[in-house]
Amino acid sequence: MQANFEEFVVARGRALIRFAYLLTGDGYLAEDLVQEALLRSHRRWSAVERTDNPEPYVRKAILHLYLSWRSRRSSSEAPFAELPDRPGPDQPTDAVVERDELWLLLRQLPRAQRAVVVLRYYEDLSDADIAALLGCSRATVRVHAFKALAKLRTALTRSPAVTAGVRHE
């Protein structure tokens, strides 16, 4: 049992952290979520490993931990509006600036909407699969996706100064 768990963590750990990072946008928080999900999964590993593929179980645990994260003490941490150290003027390319702007916009989405966007566009899951993971109807998934995409489109069409202080020169 222990060897199988360790093999799973070694083989799929980076993918799980990447998934959690897409949900949180914070590397440290992603690692915390994965660690907590793996701890909880380890307690039930004998049952989890009997399934054909234990990864969906662990991903669902990460998703549920992410969605309930605001009840944790560290969820009261507030991010800085602007980062304290800035790269030199010639370092960020347009693609990096756009990616950072998109991350800022994604962080502003409510958790359920962000989860739907990540599950739909990164994990490439169907509405039915997302609904099963979130414990809601497919219609709710579509509403979350519609609202999230509408917010992102609106924010992207506004002037660049509106999007969390990111300016395009």
C-alpha atoms as a PDB file:
ATOM      1  CA  MET A   1       0.000   0.000   0.000  1.00  0.00           C
ATOM      2  CA  GLN A   2       2.723   2.513   1.015  1.00  0.00           C
ATOM      3  CA  ALA A   3       4.824   1.760  -2.076  1.00  0.00           C
ATOM      4  CA  ASN A   4       1.847   2.232  -4.400  1.00  0.00           C
ATOM      5  CA  PHE A   5       1.024   5.582  -2.799  1.00  0.00           C
ATOM      6  CA  GLU A   6       4.618   6.766  -3.114  1.00  0.00           C
ATOM      7  CA  GLU A   7       4.739   5.653  -6.748  1.00  0.00           C
ATOM      8  CA  PHE A   8       1.527   7.566  -7.428  1.00  0.00           C
ATOM      9  CA  VAL A   9       2.862  10.742  -5.795  1.00  0.00           C
ATOM     10  CA  VAL A  10       6.144  10.541  -7.714  1.00  0.00           C
ATOM     11  CA  ALA A  11       4.394   9.845 -11.017  1.00  0.00           C
ATOM     12  CA  ARG A  12       1.489  12.330 -10.757  1.00  0.00           C
ATOM     13  CA  GLY A  13       2.599  14.883  -8.147  1.00  0.00           C
ATOM     14  CA  ARG A  14       3.707  17.570 -10.609  1.00  0.00           C
ATOM     15  CA  ALA A  15       0.474  17.279 -12.609  1.00  0.00           C
ATOM     16  CA  LEU A  16      -1.557  17.601  -9.417  1.00  0.00           C
ATOM     17  CA  ILE A  17       0.376  20.712  -8.375  1.00  0.00           C
ATOM     18  CA  ARG A  18      -0.097  22.182 -11.847  1.00  0.00           C
ATOM     19  CA  PHE A  19      -3.858  21.557 -11.581  1.00  0.00           C
ATOM     20  CA  ALA A  20      -4.000  23.170  -8.138  1.00  0.00           C
ATOM     21  CA  TYR A  21      -1.931  26.105  -9.389  1.00  0.00           C
ATOM     22  CA  LEU A  22      -4.421  26.745 -12.165  1.00  0.00           C
ATOM     23  CA  LEU A  23      -7.177  26.859  -9.570  1.00  0.00           C
ATOM     24  CA  THR A  24      -5.354  29.082  -7.086  1.00  0.00           C
ATOM     25  CA  GLY A  25      -2.875  31.089  -9.129  1.00  0.00           C
ATOM     26  CA  ASP A  26      -0.475  30.736  -6.196  1.00  0.00           C
ATOM     27  CA  GLY A  27       2.294  28.146  -6.162  1.00  0.00           C
ATOM     28  CA  TYR A  28       2.532  27.884  -2.389  1.00  0.00           C
ATOM     29  CA  LEU A  29      -1.213  27.580  -1.943  1.00  0.00           C
ATOM     30  CA  ALA A  30      -1.298  24.967  -4.706  1.00  0.00           C
ATOM     31  CA  GLU A  31       1.335  22.921  -2.893  1.00  0.00           C
ATOM     32  CA  ASP A  32      -0.643  23.223   0.353  1.00  0.00           C
ATOM     33  CA  LEU A  33      -3.829  22.022  -1.351  1.00  0.00           C
ATOM     34  CA  VAL A  34      -2.082  19.056  -2.952  1.00  0.00           C
ATOM     35  CA  GLN A  35      -0.381  18.149   0.306  1.00  0.00           C
ATOM     36  CA  GLU A  36      -3.702  18.236   2.180  1.00  0.00           C
ATOM     37  CA  ALA A  37      -5.472  16.244  -0.552  1.00  0.00           C
ATOM     38  CA  LEU A  38      -2.704  13.635  -0.583  1.00  0.00           C
ATOM     39  CA  LEU A  39      -2.793  13.392   3.202  1.00  0.00           C
ATOM     40  CA  ARG A  40      -6.536  12.763   3.135  1.00  0.00           C
ATOM     41  CA  SER A  41      -6.182  10.324   0.241  1.00  0.00           C
ATOM     42  CA  HIS A  42      -3.395   8.424   1.995  1.00  0.00           C
ATOM     43  CA  ARG A  43      -5.722   7.710   4.914  1.00  0.00           C
ATOM     44  CA  ARG A  44      -8.095   5.945   2.501  1.00  0.00           C
ATOM     45  CA  TRP A  45      -5.502   4.716   0.022  1.00  0.00           C
ATOM     46  CA  SER A  46      -6.449   1.056   0.249  1.00  0.00           C
ATOM     47  CA  ALA A  47      -9.937   1.959  -1.032  1.00  0.00           C
ATOM     48  CA  VAL A  48      -8.698   4.608  -3.473  1.00  0.00           C
ATOM     49  CA  GLU A  49      -6.156   2.352  -5.180  1.00  0.00           C
ATOM     50  CA  ARG A  50      -8.842  -0.282  -5.837  1.00  0.00           C
ATOM     51  CA  THR A  51     -10.357   2.047  -8.439  1.00  0.00           C
ATOM     52  CA  ASP A  52      -9.001   1.843 -11.973  1.00  0.00           C
ATOM     53  CA  ASN A  53      -7.336   5.238 -11.650  1.00  0.00           C
ATOM     54  CA  PRO A  54      -6.838   7.005  -8.294  1.00  0.00           C
ATOM     55  CA  GLU A  55      -5.977  10.360  -9.890  1.00  0.00           C
ATOM     56  CA  PRO A  56      -9.594  11.551 -10.390  1.00  0.00           C
ATOM     57  CA  TYR A  57     -10.224  10.906  -6.688  1.00  0.00           C
ATOM     58  CA  VAL A  58      -7.237  13.036  -5.676  1.00  0.00           C
ATOM     59  CA  ARG A  59      -8.140  15.785  -8.175  1.00  0.00           C
ATOM     60  CA  LYS A  60     -11.661  15.893  -6.779  1.00  0.00           C
ATOM     61  CA  ALA A  61     -10.201  16.210  -3.271  1.00  0.00           C
ATOM     62  CA  ILE A  62      -8.043  19.122  -4.473  1.00  0.00           C
ATOM     63  CA  LEU A  63     -11.052  20.758  -6.085  1.00  0.00           C
ATOM     64  CA  HIS A  64     -13.169  20.437  -2.943  1.00  0.00           C
ATOM     65  CA  LEU A  65     -10.354  21.765  -0.769  1.00  0.00           C
ATOM     66  CA  TYR A  66      -9.964  24.727  -3.128  1.00  0.00           C
ATOM     67  CA  LEU A  67     -13.678  25.488  -3.085  1.00  0.00           C
ATOM     68  CA  SER A  68     -13.792  25.349   0.719  1.00  0.00           C
ATOM     69  CA  TRP A  69     -10.468  27.155   1.231  1.00  0.00           C
ATOM     70  CA  ARG A  70     -12.090  30.387   2.400  1.00  0.00           C
ATOM     71  CA  SER A  71     -13.061  28.671   5.642  1.00  0.00           C
ATOM     72  CA  ARG A  72      -9.361  28.223   6.420  1.00  0.00           C
ATOM     73  CA  ARG A  73      -7.418  30.747   8.431  1.00  0.00           C
ATOM     74  CA  SER A  74      -4.940  31.516   5.653  1.00  0.00           C
ATOM     75  CA  SER A  75      -7.741  32.511   3.293  1.00  0.00           C
ATOM     76  CA  SER A  76      -7.824  35.864   5.058  1.00  0.00           C
ATOM     77  CA  GLU A  77      -4.469  36.729   3.518  1.00  0.00           C
ATOM     78  CA  ALA A  78      -4.843  39.588   1.084  1.00  0.00           C
ATOM     79  CA  PRO A  79      -2.740  39.746  -2.075  1.00  0.00           C
ATOM     80  CA  PHE A  80      -0.843  42.918  -2.907  1.00  0.00           C
ATOM     81  CA  ALA A  81      -2.376  45.165  -5.541  1.00  0.00           C
ATOM     82  CA  GLU A  82       1.099  45.601  -7.005  1.00  0.00           C
ATOM     83  CA  LEU A  83       4.137  43.408  -6.617  1.00  0.00           C
ATOM     84  CA  PRO A  84       6.956  45.041  -4.620  1.00  0.00           C
ATOM     85  CA  ASP A  85       9.791  44.177  -7.014  1.00  0.00           C
ATOM     86  CA  ARG A  86       9.406  44.816 -10.684  1.00  0.00           C
ATOM     87  CA  PRO A  87      11.481  43.413 -13.526  1.00  0.00           C
ATOM     88  CA  GLY A  88      13.657  45.661 -15.645  1.00  0.00           C
ATOM     89  CA  PRO A  89      12.004  47.530 -18.517  1.00  0.00           C
ATOM     90  CA  ASP A  90      13.219  45.149 -21.224  1.00  0.00           C
ATOM     91  CA  GLN A  91      12.390  41.854 -19.425  1.00  0.00           C
ATOM     92  CA  PRO A  92       8.627  41.260 -19.802  1.00  0.00           C
ATOM     93  CA  THR A  93       7.476  40.495 -23.286  1.00  0.00           C
ATOM     94  CA  ASP A  94       3.950  41.249 -24.417  1.00  0.00           C
ATOM     95  CA  ALA A  95       3.009  37.605 -23.902  1.00  0.00           C
ATOM     96  CA  VAL A  96       4.166  37.651 -20.278  1.00  0.00           C
ATOM     97  CA  VAL A  97       2.271  40.866 -19.587  1.00  0.00           C
ATOM     98  CA  GLU A  98      -0.878  39.449 -21.171  1.00  0.00           C
ATOM     99  CA  ARG A  99      -0.544  36.208 -19.225  1.00  0.00           C
ATOM    100  CA  ASP A 100      -0.120  38.115 -15.958  1.00  0.00           C
ATOM    101  CA  GLU A 101      -3.114  40.283 -16.783  1.00  0.00           C
ATOM    102  CA  LEU A 102      -5.189  37.179 -17.437  1.00  0.00           C
ATOM    103  CA  TRP A 103      -4.076  35.677 -14.095  1.00  0.00           C
ATOM    104  CA  LEU A 104      -5.181  38.846 -12.337  1.00  0.00           C
ATOM    105  CA  LEU A 105      -8.550  38.618 -14.031  1.00  0.00           C
ATOM    106  CA  LEU A 106      -8.930  34.923 -13.199  1.00  0.00           C
ATOM    107  CA  ARG A 107      -8.176  35.628  -9.543  1.00  0.00           C
ATOM    108  CA  GLN A 108     -11.100  38.061  -9.464  1.00  0.00           C
ATOM    109  CA  LEU A 109     -13.593  35.362 -10.457  1.00  0.00           C
ATOM    110  CA  PRO A 110     -15.620  33.648  -7.727  1.00  0.00           C
ATOM    111  CA  ARG A 111     -14.205  30.229  -6.825  1.00  0.00           C
ATOM    112  CA  ALA A 112     -16.936  28.170  -8.482  1.00  0.00           C
ATOM    113  CA  GLN A 113     -16.644  30.122 -11.740  1.00  0.00           C
ATOM    114  CA  ARG A 114     -12.876  29.821 -11.744  1.00  0.00           C
ATOM    115  CA  ALA A 115     -13.111  26.095 -11.042  1.00  0.00           C
ATOM    116  CA  VAL A 116     -15.464  25.669 -14.002  1.00  0.00           C
ATOM    117  CA  VAL A 117     -13.121  27.615 -16.303  1.00  0.00           C
ATOM    118  CA  VAL A 118     -10.110  25.513 -15.233  1.00  0.00           C
ATOM    119  CA  LEU A 119     -11.986  22.218 -15.485  1.00  0.00           C
ATOM    120  CA  ARG A 120     -13.490  23.081 -18.863  1.00  0.00           C
ATOM    121  CA  TYR A 121     -10.565  24.726 -20.634  1.00  0.00           C
ATOM    122  CA  TYR A 122      -7.509  23.205 -18.936  1.00  0.00           C
ATOM    123  CA  GLU A 123      -8.751  19.760 -17.973  1.00  0.00           C
ATOM    124  CA  ASP A 124     -11.048  19.615 -21.059  1.00  0.00           C
ATOM    125  CA  LEU A 125     -13.896  18.064 -19.076  1.00  0.00           C
ATOM    126  CA  SER A 126     -17.483  17.950 -20.250  1.00  0.00           C
ATOM    127  CA  ASP A 127     -20.271  19.802 -18.458  1.00  0.00           C
ATOM    128  CA  ALA A 128     -21.518  16.475 -17.091  1.00  0.00           C
ATOM    129  CA  ASP A 129     -18.095  15.618 -15.656  1.00  0.00           C
ATOM    130  CA  ILE A 130     -17.707  19.081 -14.142  1.00  0.00           C
ATOM    131  CA  ALA A 131     -21.185  18.863 -12.638  1.00  0.00           C
ATOM    132  CA  ALA A 132     -20.321  15.512 -11.077  1.00  0.00           C
ATOM    133  CA  LEU A 133     -17.112  16.918  -9.584  1.00  0.00           C
ATOM    134  CA  LEU A 134     -18.802  20.044  -8.218  1.00  0.00           C
ATOM    135  CA  GLY A 135     -21.963  18.261  -7.091  1.00  0.00           C
ATOM    136  CA  CYS A 136     -24.304  20.469  -9.107  1.00  0.00           C
ATOM    137  CA  SER A 137     -26.372  20.304 -12.281  1.00  0.00           C
ATOM    138  CA  ARG A 138     -25.032  20.723 -15.814  1.00  0.00           C
ATOM    139  CA  ALA A 139     -27.140  23.863 -16.113  1.00  0.00           C
ATOM    140  CA  THR A 140     -25.323  25.346 -13.107  1.00  0.00           C
ATOM    141  CA  VAL A 141     -21.992  24.544 -14.742  1.00  0.00           C
ATOM    142  CA  ARG A 142     -23.092  26.319 -17.926  1.00  0.00           C
ATOM    143  CA  VAL A 143     -24.272  29.340 -15.926  1.00  0.00           C
ATOM    144  CA  HIS A 144     -20.929  29.533 -14.085  1.00  0.00           C
ATOM    145  CA  ALA A 145     -19.044  29.269 -17.390  1.00  0.00           C
ATOM    146  CA  PHE A 146     -21.246  31.892 -19.053  1.00  0.00           C
ATOM    147  CA  LYS A 147     -20.847  34.356 -16.181  1.00  0.00           C
ATOM    148  CA  ALA A 148     -17.100  33.761 -15.904  1.00  0.00           C
ATOM    149  CA  LEU A 149     -16.500  34.253 -19.615  1.00  0.00           C
ATOM    150  CA  ALA A 150     -18.710  37.357 -19.640  1.00  0.00           C
ATOM    151  CA  LYS A 151     -16.685  38.854 -16.760  1.00  0.00           C
ATOM    152  CA  LEU A 152     -13.416  38.025 -18.482  1.00  0.00           C
ATOM    153  CA  ARG A 153     -14.581  39.500 -21.806  1.00  0.00           C
ATOM    154  CA  THR A 154     -15.823  42.657 -20.109  1.00  0.00           C
ATOM    155  CA  ALA A 155     -12.595  43.099 -18.183  1.00  0.00           C
ATOM    156  CA  LEU A 156     -10.469  42.489 -21.283  1.00  0.00           C
ATOM    157  CA  THR A 157     -12.382  45.073 -23.322  1.00  0.00           C
ATOM    158  CA  ARG A 158     -12.009  47.788 -20.666  1.00  0.00           C
ATOM    159  CA  SER A 159      -9.117  50.177 -20.732  1.00  0.00           C
ATOM    160  CA  PRO A 160      -5.851  48.527 -19.645  1.00  0.00           C
ATOM    161  CA  ALA A 161      -5.557  50.803 -16.607  1.00  0.00           C
ATOM    162  CA  VAL A 162      -8.684  49.233 -15.129  1.00  0.00           C
ATOM    163  CA  THR A 163      -7.203  45.740 -14.992  1.00  0.00           C
ATOM    164  CA  ALA A 164      -5.409  45.849 -11.642  1.00  0.00           C
ATOM    165  CA  GLY A 165      -2.903  48.492 -12.595  1.00  0.00           C
ATOM    166  CA  VAL A 166      -1.427  46.645 -15.562  1.00  0.00           C
ATOM    167  CA  ARG A 167      -0.552  49.205 -18.244  1.00  0.00           C
ATOM    168  CA  HIS A 168       0.310  48.611 -21.857  1.00  0.00           C
ATOM    169  CA  GLU A 169       2.648  51.183 -23.381  1.00  0.00           C
END
